[in-house]
Amino acid sequence: MVGVITIAGSLLVENVMLSALLGVFGASSLWSIGELFSQKKRVEKGWFPMNPKREHEYRTEYGKKS
């Protein structure tokens, strides 16, 4: 939500530097949301170790002690 609001705000601001900063921040926020979902998929595939405190969030047996 923050990403969409800051991108919209960047279109309304007349100051070029502030508009650019808002646009970059908004795009970065939107990009990071997608990256969180990609990271979860990589952990479920076993490519990266999972956080032991968030073991309940994953649908995989990877990372559990045998």
PDB file of N, CA and C in Angstrom:
ATOM      1  N   MET A   1       0.812  -1.178   0.000  1.00  0.00           N
ATOM      2  CA  MET A   1       0.000   0.000   0.000  1.00  0.00           C
ATOM      3  C   MET A   1       0.866   1.256   0.000  1.00  0.00           C
ATOM      4  N   VAL A   2       1.951   1.203   0.766  1.00  0.00           N
ATOM      5  CA  VAL A   2       2.847   2.356   0.845  1.00  0.00           C
ATOM      6  C   VAL A   2       3.460   2.639  -0.525  1.00  0.00           C
ATOM      7  N   GLY A   3       3.815   1.576  -1.244  1.00  0.00           N
ATOM      8  CA  GLY A   3       4.416   1.756  -2.560  1.00  0.00           C
ATOM      9  C   GLY A   3       3.495   2.459  -3.529  1.00  0.00           C
ATOM     10  N   VAL A   4       2.240   2.060  -3.550  1.00  0.00           N
ATOM     11  CA  VAL A   4       1.267   2.676  -4.457  1.00  0.00           C
ATOM     12  C   VAL A   4       1.031   4.133  -4.082  1.00  0.00           C
ATOM     13  N   ILE A   5       0.935   4.411  -2.784  1.00  0.00           N
ATOM     14  CA  ILE A   5       0.693   5.787  -2.330  1.00  0.00           C
ATOM     15  C   ILE A   5       1.870   6.692  -2.673  1.00  0.00           C
ATOM     16  N   THR A   6       3.092   6.222  -2.459  1.00  0.00           N
ATOM     17  CA  THR A   6       4.249   7.076  -2.759  1.00  0.00           C
ATOM     18  C   THR A   6       4.436   7.273  -4.250  1.00  0.00           C
ATOM     19  N   ILE A   7       4.116   6.276  -5.055  1.00  0.00           N
ATOM     20  CA  ILE A   7       4.200   6.466  -6.510  1.00  0.00           C
ATOM     21  C   ILE A   7       3.159   7.476  -6.963  1.00  0.00           C
ATOM     22  N   ALA A   8       1.952   7.361  -6.432  1.00  0.00           N
ATOM     23  CA  ALA A   8       0.911   8.338  -6.771  1.00  0.00           C
ATOM     24  C   ALA A   8       1.320   9.734  -6.296  1.00  0.00           C
ATOM     25  N   GLY A   9       1.906   9.806  -5.116  1.00  0.00           N
ATOM     26  CA  GLY A   9       2.379  11.090  -4.599  1.00  0.00           C
ATOM     27  C   GLY A   9       3.477  11.686  -5.459  1.00  0.00           C
ATOM     28  N   SER A  10       4.327  10.838  -6.014  1.00  0.00           N
ATOM     29  CA  SER A  10       5.409  11.343  -6.851  1.00  0.00           C
ATOM     30  C   SER A  10       4.877  11.995  -8.126  1.00  0.00           C
ATOM     31  N   LEU A  11       3.712  11.563  -8.570  1.00  0.00           N
ATOM     32  CA  LEU A  11       3.105  12.168  -9.757  1.00  0.00           C
ATOM     33  C   LEU A  11       2.467  13.523  -9.451  1.00  0.00           C
ATOM     34  N   LEU A  12       2.137  13.742  -8.205  1.00  0.00           N
ATOM     35  CA  LEU A  12       1.463  14.983  -7.817  1.00  0.00           C
ATOM     36  C   LEU A  12       2.414  16.076  -7.334  1.00  0.00           C
ATOM     37  N   VAL A  13       3.634  15.700  -6.951  1.00  0.00           N
ATOM     38  CA  VAL A  13       4.603  16.664  -6.419  1.00  0.00           C
ATOM     39  C   VAL A  13       5.288  17.386  -7.570  1.00  0.00           C
ATOM     40  N   GLU A  14       5.400  18.712  -7.450  1.00  0.00           N
ATOM     41  CA  GLU A  14       6.020  19.498  -8.518  1.00  0.00           C
ATOM     42  C   GLU A  14       7.544  19.533  -8.424  1.00  0.00           C
ATOM     43  N   ASN A  15       8.083  19.380  -7.229  1.00  0.00           N
ATOM     44  CA  ASN A  15       9.530  19.387  -7.043  1.00  0.00           C
ATOM     45  C   ASN A  15      10.106  18.110  -7.657  1.00  0.00           C
ATOM     46  N   VAL A  16      11.021  18.268  -8.595  1.00  0.00           N
ATOM     47  CA  VAL A  16      11.557  17.138  -9.342  1.00  0.00           C
ATOM     48  C   VAL A  16      12.333  16.170  -8.439  1.00  0.00           C
ATOM     49  N   MET A  17      13.148  16.698  -7.545  1.00  0.00           N
ATOM     50  CA  MET A  17      13.942  15.828  -6.676  1.00  0.00           C
ATOM     51  C   MET A  17      13.051  15.033  -5.723  1.00  0.00           C
ATOM     52  N   LEU A  18      12.092  15.685  -5.116  1.00  0.00           N
ATOM     53  CA  LEU A  18      11.184  15.009  -4.205  1.00  0.00           C
ATOM     54  C   LEU A  18      10.333  13.988  -4.954  1.00  0.00           C
ATOM     55  N   SER A  19       9.898  14.338  -6.150  1.00  0.00           N
ATOM     56  CA  SER A  19       9.115  13.425  -6.974  1.00  0.00           C
ATOM     57  C   SER A  19       9.923  12.175  -7.318  1.00  0.00           C
ATOM     58  N   ALA A  20      11.190  12.383  -7.670  1.00  0.00           N
ATOM     59  CA  ALA A  20      12.055  11.248  -8.010  1.00  0.00           C
ATOM     60  C   ALA A  20      12.281  10.350  -6.793  1.00  0.00           C
ATOM     61  N   LEU A  21      12.521  10.959  -5.644  1.00  0.00           N
ATOM     62  CA  LEU A  21      12.734  10.176  -4.423  1.00  0.00           C
ATOM     63  C   LEU A  21      11.488   9.375  -4.051  1.00  0.00           C
ATOM     64  N   LEU A  22      10.326   9.992  -4.153  1.00  0.00           N
ATOM     65  CA  LEU A  22       9.086   9.276  -3.855  1.00  0.00           C
ATOM     66  C   LEU A  22       8.864   8.125  -4.833  1.00  0.00           C
ATOM     67  N   GLY A  23       9.152   8.365  -6.095  1.00  0.00           N
ATOM     68  CA  GLY A  23       8.985   7.315  -7.097  1.00  0.00           C
ATOM     69  C   GLY A  23       9.917   6.139  -6.873  1.00  0.00           C
ATOM     70  N   VAL A  24      11.162   6.421  -6.562  1.00  0.00           N
ATOM     71  CA  VAL A  24      12.134   5.350  -6.309  1.00  0.00           C
ATOM     72  C   VAL A  24      11.764   4.579  -5.043  1.00  0.00           C
ATOM     73  N   PHE A  25      11.369   5.294  -4.008  1.00  0.00           N
ATOM     74  CA  PHE A  25      10.963   4.627  -2.771  1.00  0.00           C
ATOM     75  C   PHE A  25       9.733   3.757  -3.001  1.00  0.00           C
ATOM     76  N   GLY A  26       8.762   4.266  -3.746  1.00  0.00           N
ATOM     77  CA  GLY A  26       7.549   3.504  -4.023  1.00  0.00           C
ATOM     78  C   GLY A  26       7.834   2.250  -4.834  1.00  0.00           C
ATOM     79  N   ALA A  27       8.662   2.385  -5.858  1.00  0.00           N
ATOM     80  CA  ALA A  27       9.013   1.225  -6.681  1.00  0.00           C
ATOM     81  C   ALA A  27       9.787   0.189  -5.861  1.00  0.00           C
ATOM     82  N   SER A  28      10.679   0.660  -4.999  1.00  0.00           N
ATOM     83  CA  SER A  28      11.434  -0.262  -4.139  1.00  0.00           C
ATOM     84  C   SER A  28      10.506  -1.001  -3.181  1.00  0.00           C
ATOM     85  N   SER A  29       9.513  -0.314  -2.672  1.00  0.00           N
ATOM     86  CA  SER A  29       8.560  -0.951  -1.761  1.00  0.00           C
ATOM     87  C   SER A  29       7.773  -2.044  -2.476  1.00  0.00           C
ATOM     88  N   LEU A  30       7.327  -1.750  -3.682  1.00  0.00           N
ATOM     89  CA  LEU A  30       6.580  -2.753  -4.446  1.00  0.00           C
ATOM     90  C   LEU A  30       7.466  -3.943  -4.811  1.00  0.00           C
ATOM     91  N   TRP A  31       8.707  -3.681  -5.153  1.00  0.00           N
ATOM     92  CA  TRP A  31       9.639  -4.745  -5.517  1.00  0.00           C
ATOM     93  C   TRP A  31       9.893  -5.666  -4.322  1.00  0.00           C
ATOM     94  N   SER A  32      10.029  -5.078  -3.133  1.00  0.00           N
ATOM     95  CA  SER A  32      10.342  -5.886  -1.949  1.00  0.00           C
ATOM     96  C   SER A  32       9.184  -6.809  -1.571  1.00  0.00           C
ATOM     97  N   ILE A  33       7.948  -6.413  -1.865  1.00  0.00           N
ATOM     98  CA  ILE A  33       6.809  -7.291  -1.584  1.00  0.00           C
ATOM     99  C   ILE A  33       6.919  -8.555  -2.428  1.00  0.00           C
ATOM    100  N   GLY A  34       7.225  -8.400  -3.705  1.00  0.00           N
ATOM    101  CA  GLY A  34       7.390  -9.563  -4.583  1.00  0.00           C
ATOM    102  C   GLY A  34       8.555 -10.433  -4.159  1.00  0.00           C
ATOM    103  N   GLU A  35       9.595  -9.801  -3.673  1.00  0.00           N
ATOM    104  CA  GLU A  35      10.777 -10.548  -3.244  1.00  0.00           C
ATOM    105  C   GLU A  35      10.489 -11.413  -2.020  1.00  0.00           C
ATOM    106  N   LEU A  36       9.610 -10.957  -1.139  1.00  0.00           N
ATOM    107  CA  LEU A  36       9.256 -11.762   0.035  1.00  0.00           C
ATOM    108  C   LEU A  36       8.595 -13.075  -0.380  1.00  0.00           C
ATOM    109  N   PHE A  37       7.703 -13.013  -1.364  1.00  0.00           N
ATOM    110  CA  PHE A  37       7.053 -14.232  -1.839  1.00  0.00           C
ATOM    111  C   PHE A  37       8.055 -15.145  -2.550  1.00  0.00           C
ATOM    112  N   SER A  38       8.973 -14.552  -3.314  1.00  0.00           N
ATOM    113  CA  SER A  38      10.007 -15.351  -3.986  1.00  0.00           C
ATOM    114  C   SER A  38      10.925 -16.024  -2.974  1.00  0.00           C
ATOM    115  N   GLN A  39      11.252 -15.299  -1.915  1.00  0.00           N
ATOM    116  CA  GLN A  39      12.119 -15.860  -0.878  1.00  0.00           C
ATOM    117  C   GLN A  39      11.450 -17.060  -0.211  1.00  0.00           C
ATOM    118  N   LYS A  40      10.172 -16.965   0.060  1.00  0.00           N
ATOM    119  CA  LYS A  40       9.458 -18.074   0.678  1.00  0.00           C
ATOM    120  C   LYS A  40       9.490 -19.305  -0.223  1.00  0.00           C
ATOM    121  N   LYS A  41       9.332 -19.119  -1.530  1.00  0.00           N
ATOM    122  CA  LYS A  41       9.380 -20.243  -2.470  1.00  0.00           C
ATOM    123  C   LYS A  41      10.768 -20.875  -2.504  1.00  0.00           C
ATOM    124  N   ARG A  42      11.818 -20.046  -2.439  1.00  0.00           N
ATOM    125  CA  ARG A  42      13.185 -20.584  -2.449  1.00  0.00           C
ATOM    126  C   ARG A  42      13.450 -21.418  -1.202  1.00  0.00           C
ATOM    127  N   VAL A  43      12.928 -20.986  -0.060  1.00  0.00           N
ATOM    128  CA  VAL A  43      13.107 -21.750   1.175  1.00  0.00           C
ATOM    129  C   VAL A  43      12.359 -23.063   1.084  1.00  0.00           C
ATOM    130  N   GLU A  44      11.116 -23.027   0.552  1.00  0.00           N
ATOM    131  CA  GLU A  44      10.325 -24.255   0.434  1.00  0.00           C
ATOM    132  C   GLU A  44      10.973 -25.262  -0.510  1.00  0.00           C
ATOM    133  N   LYS A  45      11.707 -24.770  -1.512  1.00  0.00           N
ATOM    134  CA  LYS A  45      12.405 -25.673  -2.438  1.00  0.00           C
ATOM    135  C   LYS A  45      13.696 -26.217  -1.825  1.00  0.00           C
ATOM    136  N   GLY A  46      14.126 -25.626  -0.717  1.00  0.00           N
ATOM    137  CA  GLY A  46      15.341 -26.090  -0.060  1.00  0.00           C
ATOM    138  C   GLY A  46      16.600 -25.416  -0.552  1.00  0.00           C
ATOM    139  N   TRP A  47      16.459 -24.343  -1.301  1.00  0.00           N
ATOM    140  CA  TRP A  47      17.633 -23.641  -1.816  1.00  0.00           C
ATOM    141  C   TRP A  47      18.309 -22.789  -0.746  1.00  0.00           C
ATOM    142  N   PHE A  48      17.546 -22.342   0.240  1.00  0.00           N
ATOM    143  CA  PHE A  48      18.072 -21.504   1.307  1.00  0.00           C
ATOM    144  C   PHE A  48      17.547 -22.015   2.646  1.00  0.00           C
ATOM    145  N   PRO A  49      18.296 -21.819   3.723  1.00  0.00           N
ATOM    146  CA  PRO A  49      17.825 -22.298   5.027  1.00  0.00           C
ATOM    147  C   PRO A  49      16.669 -21.444   5.541  1.00  0.00           C
ATOM    148  N   MET A  50      15.760 -22.100   6.256  1.00  0.00           N
ATOM    149  CA  MET A  50      14.630 -21.363   6.810  1.00  0.00           C
ATOM    150  C   MET A  50      14.974 -20.819   8.188  1.00  0.00           C
ATOM    151  N   ASN A  51      14.260 -19.805   8.562  1.00  0.00           N
ATOM    152  CA  ASN A  51      14.388 -19.221   9.886  1.00  0.00           C
ATOM    153  C   ASN A  51      13.683 -20.158  10.867  1.00  0.00           C
ATOM    154  N   PRO A  52      14.380 -20.697  11.854  1.00  0.00           N
ATOM    155  CA  PRO A  52      13.750 -21.637  12.790  1.00  0.00           C
ATOM    156  C   PRO A  52      12.556 -21.034  13.540  1.00  0.00           C
ATOM    157  N   LYS A  53      12.532 -19.734  13.699  1.00  0.00           N
ATOM    158  CA  LYS A  53      11.420 -19.086  14.388  1.00  0.00           C
ATOM    159  C   LYS A  53      10.169 -19.024  13.513  1.00  0.00           C
ATOM    160  N   ARG A  54      10.313 -19.257  12.201  1.00  0.00           N
ATOM    161  CA  ARG A  54       9.174 -19.177  11.283  1.00  0.00           C
ATOM    162  C   ARG A  54       8.900 -20.516  10.603  1.00  0.00           C
ATOM    163  N   GLU A  55       9.292 -21.577  11.248  1.00  0.00           N
ATOM    164  CA  GLU A  55       9.132 -22.909  10.671  1.00  0.00           C
ATOM    165  C   GLU A  55       7.673 -23.222  10.350  1.00  0.00           C
ATOM    166  N   HIS A  56       6.749 -22.699  11.124  1.00  0.00           N
ATOM    167  CA  HIS A  56       5.329 -22.968  10.927  1.00  0.00           C
ATOM    168  C   HIS A  56       4.765 -22.317   9.657  1.00  0.00           C
ATOM    169  N   GLU A  57       5.505 -21.386   9.044  1.00  0.00           N
ATOM    170  CA  GLU A  57       5.017 -20.678   7.867  1.00  0.00           C
ATOM    171  C   GLU A  57       5.321 -21.407   6.559  1.00  0.00           C
ATOM    172  N   TYR A  58       6.099 -22.471   6.611  1.00  0.00           N
ATOM    173  CA  TYR A  58       6.525 -23.151   5.391  1.00  0.00           C
ATOM    174  C   TYR A  58       5.863 -24.506   5.246  1.00  0.00           C
ATOM    175  N   ARG A  59       5.648 -24.923   3.977  1.00  0.00           N
ATOM    176  CA  ARG A  59       5.006 -26.205   3.680  1.00  0.00           C
ATOM    177  C   ARG A  59       6.040 -27.247   3.294  1.00  0.00           C
ATOM    178  N   THR A  60       7.107 -27.367   4.018  1.00  0.00           N
ATOM    179  CA  THR A  60       8.164 -28.295   3.633  1.00  0.00           C
ATOM    180  C   THR A  60       8.772 -28.963   4.861  1.00  0.00           C
ATOM    181  N   GLU A  61       9.431 -30.080   4.644  1.00  0.00           N
ATOM    182  CA  GLU A  61      10.122 -30.773   5.722  1.00  0.00           C
ATOM    183  C   GLU A  61      11.566 -30.284   5.814  1.00  0.00           C
ATOM    184  N   TYR A  62      11.998 -29.452   4.859  1.00  0.00           N
ATOM    185  CA  TYR A  62      13.370 -28.964   4.848  1.00  0.00           C
ATOM    186  C   TYR A  62      13.656 -28.173   6.113  1.00  0.00           C
ATOM    187  N   GLY A  63      14.774 -28.405   6.691  1.00  0.00           N
ATOM    188  CA  GLY A  63      15.218 -27.644   7.842  1.00  0.00           C
ATOM    189  C   GLY A  63      14.850 -28.251   9.179  1.00  0.00           C
ATOM    190  N   LYS A  64      13.980 -29.241   9.181  1.00  0.00           N
ATOM    191  CA  LYS A  64      13.611 -29.878  10.455  1.00  0.00           C
ATOM    192  C   LYS A  64      14.689 -30.884  10.841  1.00  0.00           C
ATOM    193  N   LYS A  65      14.955 -30.973  12.109  1.00  0.00           N
ATOM    194  CA  LYS A  65      15.974 -31.895  12.590  1.00  0.00           C
ATOM    195  C   LYS A  65      15.459 -33.325  12.534  1.00  0.00           C
ATOM    196  N   SER A  66      16.349 -34.236  12.115  1.00  0.00           N
ATOM    197  CA  SER A  66      15.931 -35.640  12.028  1.00  0.00           C
ATOM    198  C   SER A  66      16.297 -36.369  13.288  1.00  0.00           C
TER     199      SER A  66
END
